[in-house]
Amino acid sequence: IRDALNQRLDEIQAELYIGMDELQQQQNLLDRRLLLETQRSMNRSIKNSKETIVPVIRMEDGEEPRNFPATIQEFLDARGPALTRLLQFYRLAEPNTNAQRRASLGQYLGLNYY
């Protein structure tokens, strides 16, 4: 009976580890969601083209893009390749025109000013 109890105890311990890992994954997801929404909220408060844009994380992994436009003006001046690179980073659809690309990115980033 002792062996059976020890085996059952080991099974319960393994289940707890799995449960704790799943809980940690959910916590990480919630942390990324909170950060993402905080970044978007900060971007929504931008009032002029010289203000700094807060880089927004990619939800899946929490990564931020390289060479992110520093200001609204840089975002407005961005063209084809720069916009495509950001759309691909965020795994967003790639519209045909720069205006459509900027609108898609602006929405994802939480920008009201563009």
N, C-alpha and C. Protein backbone atom coordinates (compact mmCIF):
# COMPACT_ATOMS: atom_id res chain seq x y z
N ILE A 1 0.82 -1.20 0.00
CA ILE A 1 0.00 0.00 0.00
C ILE A 1 0.87 1.27 0.00
N ARG A 2 2.03 1.15 0.67
CA ARG A 2 2.92 2.31 0.73
C ARG A 2 3.38 2.72 -0.67
N ASP A 3 3.71 1.75 -1.51
CA ASP A 3 4.13 2.04 -2.88
C ASP A 3 3.01 2.71 -3.66
N ALA A 4 1.80 2.24 -3.48
CA ALA A 4 0.65 2.83 -4.17
C ALA A 4 0.44 4.28 -3.73
N LEU A 5 0.58 4.53 -2.43
CA LEU A 5 0.43 5.89 -1.92
C LEU A 5 1.53 6.81 -2.47
N ASN A 6 2.75 6.31 -2.49
CA ASN A 6 3.86 7.10 -3.02
C ASN A 6 3.66 7.39 -4.51
N GLN A 7 3.18 6.40 -5.23
CA GLN A 7 2.93 6.59 -6.65
C GLN A 7 1.84 7.65 -6.86
N ARG A 8 0.79 7.54 -6.07
CA ARG A 8 -0.31 8.51 -6.19
C ARG A 8 0.18 9.91 -5.80
N LEU A 9 1.01 10.00 -4.78
CA LEU A 9 1.58 11.28 -4.37
C LEU A 9 2.42 11.87 -5.49
N ASP A 10 3.20 11.04 -6.16
CA ASP A 10 4.00 11.51 -7.30
C ASP A 10 3.10 12.01 -8.43
N GLU A 11 2.00 11.33 -8.69
CA GLU A 11 1.06 11.74 -9.74
C GLU A 11 0.44 13.10 -9.39
N ILE A 12 0.06 13.26 -8.14
CA ILE A 12 -0.54 14.53 -7.70
C ILE A 12 0.47 15.66 -7.83
N GLN A 13 1.71 15.39 -7.45
CA GLN A 13 2.76 16.39 -7.54
C GLN A 13 2.99 16.79 -9.01
N ALA A 14 3.01 15.81 -9.90
CA ALA A 14 3.18 16.10 -11.33
C ALA A 14 2.01 16.94 -11.86
N GLU A 15 0.80 16.63 -11.43
CA GLU A 15 -0.38 17.40 -11.83
C GLU A 15 -0.29 18.83 -11.32
N LEU A 16 0.20 19.00 -10.11
CA LEU A 16 0.37 20.34 -9.55
C LEU A 16 1.38 21.14 -10.35
N TYR A 17 2.49 20.52 -10.74
CA TYR A 17 3.50 21.22 -11.55
C TYR A 17 2.91 21.65 -12.88
N ILE A 18 2.15 20.76 -13.50
CA ILE A 18 1.51 21.09 -14.77
C ILE A 18 0.53 22.24 -14.57
N GLY A 19 -0.27 22.16 -13.53
CA GLY A 19 -1.22 23.22 -13.23
C GLY A 19 -0.54 24.54 -12.95
N MET A 20 0.57 24.51 -12.23
CA MET A 20 1.30 25.74 -11.92
C MET A 20 1.91 26.33 -13.19
N ASP A 21 2.39 25.49 -14.09
CA ASP A 21 2.95 25.95 -15.36
C ASP A 21 1.87 26.62 -16.20
N GLU A 22 0.70 26.01 -16.27
CA GLU A 22 -0.41 26.59 -17.01
C GLU A 22 -0.84 27.92 -16.40
N LEU A 23 -0.86 27.99 -15.09
CA LEU A 23 -1.21 29.22 -14.40
C LEU A 23 -0.19 30.32 -14.70
N GLN A 24 1.10 29.96 -14.71
CA GLN A 24 2.14 30.93 -15.03
C GLN A 24 2.01 31.43 -16.47
N GLN A 25 1.67 30.54 -17.38
CA GLN A 25 1.46 30.94 -18.77
C GLN A 25 0.29 31.93 -18.88
N GLN A 26 -0.78 31.65 -18.16
CA GLN A 26 -1.93 32.56 -18.16
C GLN A 26 -1.56 33.91 -17.55
N GLN A 27 -0.78 33.90 -16.49
CA GLN A 27 -0.34 35.14 -15.86
C GLN A 27 0.53 35.95 -16.83
N ASN A 28 1.42 35.28 -17.54
CA ASN A 28 2.26 35.96 -18.53
C ASN A 28 1.41 36.59 -19.63
N LEU A 29 0.39 35.88 -20.07
CA LEU A 29 -0.51 36.40 -21.09
C LEU A 29 -1.25 37.64 -20.58
N LEU A 30 -1.73 37.57 -19.36
CA LEU A 30 -2.42 38.72 -18.76
C LEU A 30 -1.48 39.91 -18.59
N ASP A 31 -0.24 39.64 -18.19
CA ASP A 31 0.74 40.71 -18.06
C ASP A 31 1.01 41.39 -19.40
N ARG A 32 1.14 40.58 -20.47
CA ARG A 32 1.36 41.16 -21.80
C ARG A 32 0.15 41.96 -22.25
N ARG A 33 -1.04 41.46 -21.96
CA ARG A 33 -2.27 42.18 -22.35
C ARG A 33 -2.34 43.53 -21.63
N LEU A 34 -2.02 43.54 -20.35
CA LEU A 34 -2.02 44.79 -19.58
C LEU A 34 -1.00 45.77 -20.14
N LEU A 35 0.19 45.29 -20.45
CA LEU A 35 1.23 46.15 -21.01
C LEU A 35 0.80 46.69 -22.36
N LEU A 36 0.26 45.84 -23.21
CA LEU A 36 -0.21 46.25 -24.53
C LEU A 36 -1.26 47.35 -24.42
N GLU A 37 -2.24 47.16 -23.56
CA GLU A 37 -3.30 48.15 -23.41
C GLU A 37 -2.79 49.44 -22.78
N THR A 38 -1.81 49.35 -21.90
CA THR A 38 -1.21 50.55 -21.32
C THR A 38 -0.47 51.33 -22.40
N GLN A 39 0.28 50.63 -23.24
CA GLN A 39 1.00 51.30 -24.32
C GLN A 39 0.03 51.96 -25.29
N ARG A 40 -1.03 51.27 -25.66
CA ARG A 40 -2.02 51.85 -26.56
C ARG A 40 -2.68 53.07 -25.92
N SER A 41 -2.98 52.98 -24.66
CA SER A 41 -3.60 54.10 -23.95
C SER A 41 -2.69 55.33 -23.98
N MET A 42 -1.40 55.11 -23.77
CA MET A 42 -0.45 56.21 -23.82
C MET A 42 -0.42 56.83 -25.22
N ASN A 43 -0.48 56.00 -26.24
CA ASN A 43 -0.48 56.51 -27.61
C ASN A 43 -1.76 57.27 -27.94
N ARG A 44 -2.87 56.85 -27.34
CA ARG A 44 -4.14 57.55 -27.59
C ARG A 44 -4.11 58.99 -27.07
N SER A 45 -3.22 59.26 -26.14
CA SER A 45 -3.17 60.61 -25.56
C SER A 45 -2.30 61.58 -26.37
N ILE A 46 -1.69 61.11 -27.44
CA ILE A 46 -0.81 61.97 -28.26
C ILE A 46 -1.65 63.05 -28.92
N LYS A 47 -1.14 64.30 -28.84
CA LYS A 47 -1.90 65.45 -29.36
C LYS A 47 -1.22 66.17 -30.52
N ASN A 48 0.09 65.94 -30.73
CA ASN A 48 0.74 66.62 -31.85
C ASN A 48 1.80 65.73 -32.47
N SER A 49 2.24 66.11 -33.66
CA SER A 49 3.12 65.25 -34.47
C SER A 49 4.54 65.12 -33.92
N LYS A 50 4.90 65.92 -32.94
CA LYS A 50 6.26 65.85 -32.39
C LYS A 50 6.34 64.97 -31.15
N GLU A 51 5.20 64.52 -30.67
CA GLU A 51 5.20 63.67 -29.48
C GLU A 51 5.73 62.27 -29.79
N THR A 52 6.29 61.66 -28.77
CA THR A 52 6.87 60.32 -28.89
C THR A 52 5.78 59.26 -28.91
N ILE A 53 5.94 58.31 -29.83
CA ILE A 53 5.04 57.15 -29.88
C ILE A 53 5.65 56.07 -28.98
N VAL A 54 4.83 55.45 -28.18
CA VAL A 54 5.28 54.34 -27.35
C VAL A 54 5.27 53.07 -28.20
N PRO A 55 6.41 52.40 -28.33
CA PRO A 55 6.41 51.13 -29.08
C PRO A 55 5.47 50.13 -28.40
N VAL A 56 4.67 49.48 -29.19
CA VAL A 56 3.69 48.52 -28.68
C VAL A 56 4.24 47.11 -28.88
N ILE A 57 4.06 46.28 -27.88
CA ILE A 57 4.54 44.90 -27.96
C ILE A 57 3.70 44.08 -28.93
N ARG A 58 4.29 42.98 -29.37
CA ARG A 58 3.54 41.97 -30.11
C ARG A 58 2.94 41.05 -29.06
N MET A 59 1.66 40.85 -29.11
CA MET A 59 0.94 40.12 -28.05
C MET A 59 1.47 38.70 -27.85
N GLU A 60 1.81 38.01 -28.92
CA GLU A 60 2.19 36.60 -28.80
C GLU A 60 3.40 36.38 -27.92
N ASP A 61 4.38 37.30 -28.01
CA ASP A 61 5.64 37.03 -27.31
C ASP A 61 6.18 38.22 -26.51
N GLY A 62 5.49 39.36 -26.55
CA GLY A 62 5.93 40.51 -25.77
C GLY A 62 7.09 41.28 -26.38
N GLU A 63 7.48 40.94 -27.61
CA GLU A 63 8.59 41.62 -28.27
C GLU A 63 8.14 42.98 -28.82
N GLU A 64 9.11 43.91 -28.87
CA GLU A 64 8.90 45.21 -29.50
C GLU A 64 9.69 45.25 -30.80
N PRO A 65 9.17 45.97 -31.81
CA PRO A 65 9.88 46.02 -33.09
C PRO A 65 11.14 46.87 -33.01
N ARG A 66 12.08 46.56 -33.88
CA ARG A 66 13.27 47.40 -34.03
C ARG A 66 12.92 48.55 -34.97
N ASN A 67 13.68 49.62 -34.87
CA ASN A 67 13.52 50.78 -35.77
C ASN A 67 12.09 51.31 -35.78
N PHE A 68 11.49 51.36 -34.61
CA PHE A 68 10.13 51.88 -34.47
C PHE A 68 10.16 53.40 -34.64
N PRO A 69 9.17 53.98 -35.33
CA PRO A 69 9.17 55.45 -35.47
C PRO A 69 9.10 56.13 -34.11
N ALA A 70 9.94 57.13 -33.90
CA ALA A 70 10.03 57.78 -32.59
C ALA A 70 8.88 58.74 -32.35
N THR A 71 8.39 59.38 -33.40
CA THR A 71 7.34 60.39 -33.25
C THR A 71 6.21 60.14 -34.24
N ILE A 72 5.12 60.85 -34.03
CA ILE A 72 4.01 60.78 -34.98
C ILE A 72 4.49 61.22 -36.36
N GLN A 73 5.31 62.27 -36.41
CA GLN A 73 5.79 62.75 -37.70
C GLN A 73 6.58 61.67 -38.43
N GLU A 74 7.44 60.94 -37.72
CA GLU A 74 8.16 59.84 -38.35
C GLU A 74 7.20 58.77 -38.84
N PHE A 75 6.15 58.51 -38.07
CA PHE A 75 5.13 57.54 -38.48
C PHE A 75 4.43 58.02 -39.75
N LEU A 76 4.08 59.32 -39.80
CA LEU A 76 3.41 59.88 -40.97
C LEU A 76 4.31 59.88 -42.20
N ASP A 77 5.62 60.03 -41.99
CA ASP A 77 6.57 60.05 -43.10
C ASP A 77 6.96 58.66 -43.59
N ALA A 78 6.65 57.63 -42.82
CA ALA A 78 7.02 56.27 -43.20
C ALA A 78 6.31 55.87 -44.49
N ARG A 79 7.04 55.14 -45.32
CA ARG A 79 6.51 54.69 -46.60
C ARG A 79 6.61 53.17 -46.70
N GLY A 80 6.25 52.66 -47.85
CA GLY A 80 6.17 51.24 -48.17
C GLY A 80 6.94 50.26 -47.32
N PRO A 81 8.28 50.15 -47.51
CA PRO A 81 9.04 49.11 -46.79
C PRO A 81 8.97 49.24 -45.27
N ALA A 82 9.05 50.46 -44.77
CA ALA A 82 9.00 50.65 -43.31
C ALA A 82 7.64 50.24 -42.76
N LEU A 83 6.58 50.60 -43.46
CA LEU A 83 5.23 50.23 -43.01
C LEU A 83 5.01 48.72 -43.13
N THR A 84 5.50 48.15 -44.24
CA THR A 84 5.35 46.71 -44.44
C THR A 84 6.08 45.93 -43.35
N ARG A 85 7.28 46.38 -43.01
CA ARG A 85 8.06 45.71 -41.96
C ARG A 85 7.28 45.69 -40.65
N LEU A 86 6.66 46.83 -40.29
CA LEU A 86 5.88 46.88 -39.04
C LEU A 86 4.63 46.01 -39.13
N LEU A 87 3.95 46.05 -40.26
CA LEU A 87 2.77 45.20 -40.44
C LEU A 87 3.14 43.73 -40.29
N GLN A 88 4.26 43.33 -40.89
CA GLN A 88 4.70 41.94 -40.79
C GLN A 88 5.11 41.60 -39.36
N PHE A 89 5.78 42.52 -38.68
CA PHE A 89 6.17 42.27 -37.30
C PHE A 89 4.94 41.98 -36.43
N TYR A 90 3.91 42.81 -36.59
CA TYR A 90 2.69 42.65 -35.79
C TYR A 90 1.74 41.60 -36.38
N ARG A 91 2.13 41.02 -37.51
CA ARG A 91 1.32 39.99 -38.18
C ARG A 91 -0.07 40.52 -38.55
N LEU A 92 -0.06 41.73 -39.08
CA LEU A 92 -1.29 42.37 -39.54
C LEU A 92 -1.39 42.21 -41.06
N ALA A 93 -2.60 42.32 -41.58
CA ALA A 93 -2.79 42.28 -43.03
C ALA A 93 -2.03 43.44 -43.67
N GLU A 94 -1.63 43.24 -44.92
CA GLU A 94 -0.85 44.27 -45.62
C GLU A 94 -1.71 44.92 -46.71
N PRO A 95 -2.38 46.01 -46.38
CA PRO A 95 -3.18 46.72 -47.39
C PRO A 95 -2.29 47.25 -48.52
N ASN A 96 -2.93 47.69 -49.60
CA ASN A 96 -2.20 48.12 -50.80
C ASN A 96 -1.54 49.49 -50.68
N THR A 97 -2.23 50.45 -50.10
CA THR A 97 -1.70 51.82 -50.11
C THR A 97 -1.03 52.15 -48.78
N ASN A 98 -0.13 53.15 -48.84
CA ASN A 98 0.52 53.60 -47.61
C ASN A 98 -0.50 54.13 -46.62
N ALA A 99 -1.51 54.83 -47.11
CA ALA A 99 -2.55 55.38 -46.21
C ALA A 99 -3.28 54.25 -45.49
N GLN A 100 -3.61 53.19 -46.21
CA GLN A 100 -4.30 52.05 -45.60
C GLN A 100 -3.38 51.32 -44.62
N ARG A 101 -2.11 51.21 -44.97
CA ARG A 101 -1.14 50.56 -44.08
C ARG A 101 -1.00 51.37 -42.80
N ARG A 102 -0.89 52.69 -42.96
CA ARG A 102 -0.75 53.56 -41.80
C ARG A 102 -2.00 53.48 -40.91
N ALA A 103 -3.17 53.43 -41.53
CA ALA A 103 -4.42 53.34 -40.76
C ALA A 103 -4.48 52.03 -39.97
N SER A 104 -4.07 50.94 -40.60
CA SER A 104 -4.08 49.64 -39.93
C SER A 104 -3.11 49.64 -38.75
N LEU A 105 -1.91 50.13 -38.99
CA LEU A 105 -0.92 50.22 -37.91
C LEU A 105 -1.37 51.18 -36.82
N GLY A 106 -1.89 52.31 -37.23
CA GLY A 106 -2.35 53.30 -36.25
C GLY A 106 -3.40 52.73 -35.32
N GLN A 107 -4.31 51.97 -35.88
CA GLN A 107 -5.34 51.34 -35.06
C GLN A 107 -4.73 50.36 -34.08
N TYR A 108 -3.81 49.53 -34.54
CA TYR A 108 -3.17 48.56 -33.67
C TYR A 108 -2.38 49.24 -32.56
N LEU A 109 -1.70 50.33 -32.90
CA LEU A 109 -0.86 51.05 -31.94
C LEU A 109 -1.64 51.94 -30.99
N GLY A 110 -2.93 52.13 -31.27
CA GLY A 110 -3.76 52.97 -30.41
C GLY A 110 -3.65 54.45 -30.74
N LEU A 111 -3.20 54.75 -31.96
CA LEU A 111 -3.02 56.15 -32.35
C LEU A 111 -4.32 56.76 -32.83
N ASN A 112 -4.64 57.92 -32.31
CA ASN A 112 -5.78 58.68 -32.81
C ASN A 112 -5.29 59.79 -33.74
N TYR A 113 -4.02 60.13 -33.64
CA TYR A 113 -3.45 61.25 -34.35
C TYR A 113 -2.66 60.72 -35.54
N TYR A 114 -3.28 60.69 -36.67
CA TYR A 114 -2.59 60.37 -37.93
C TYR A 114 -3.52 60.68 -39.02
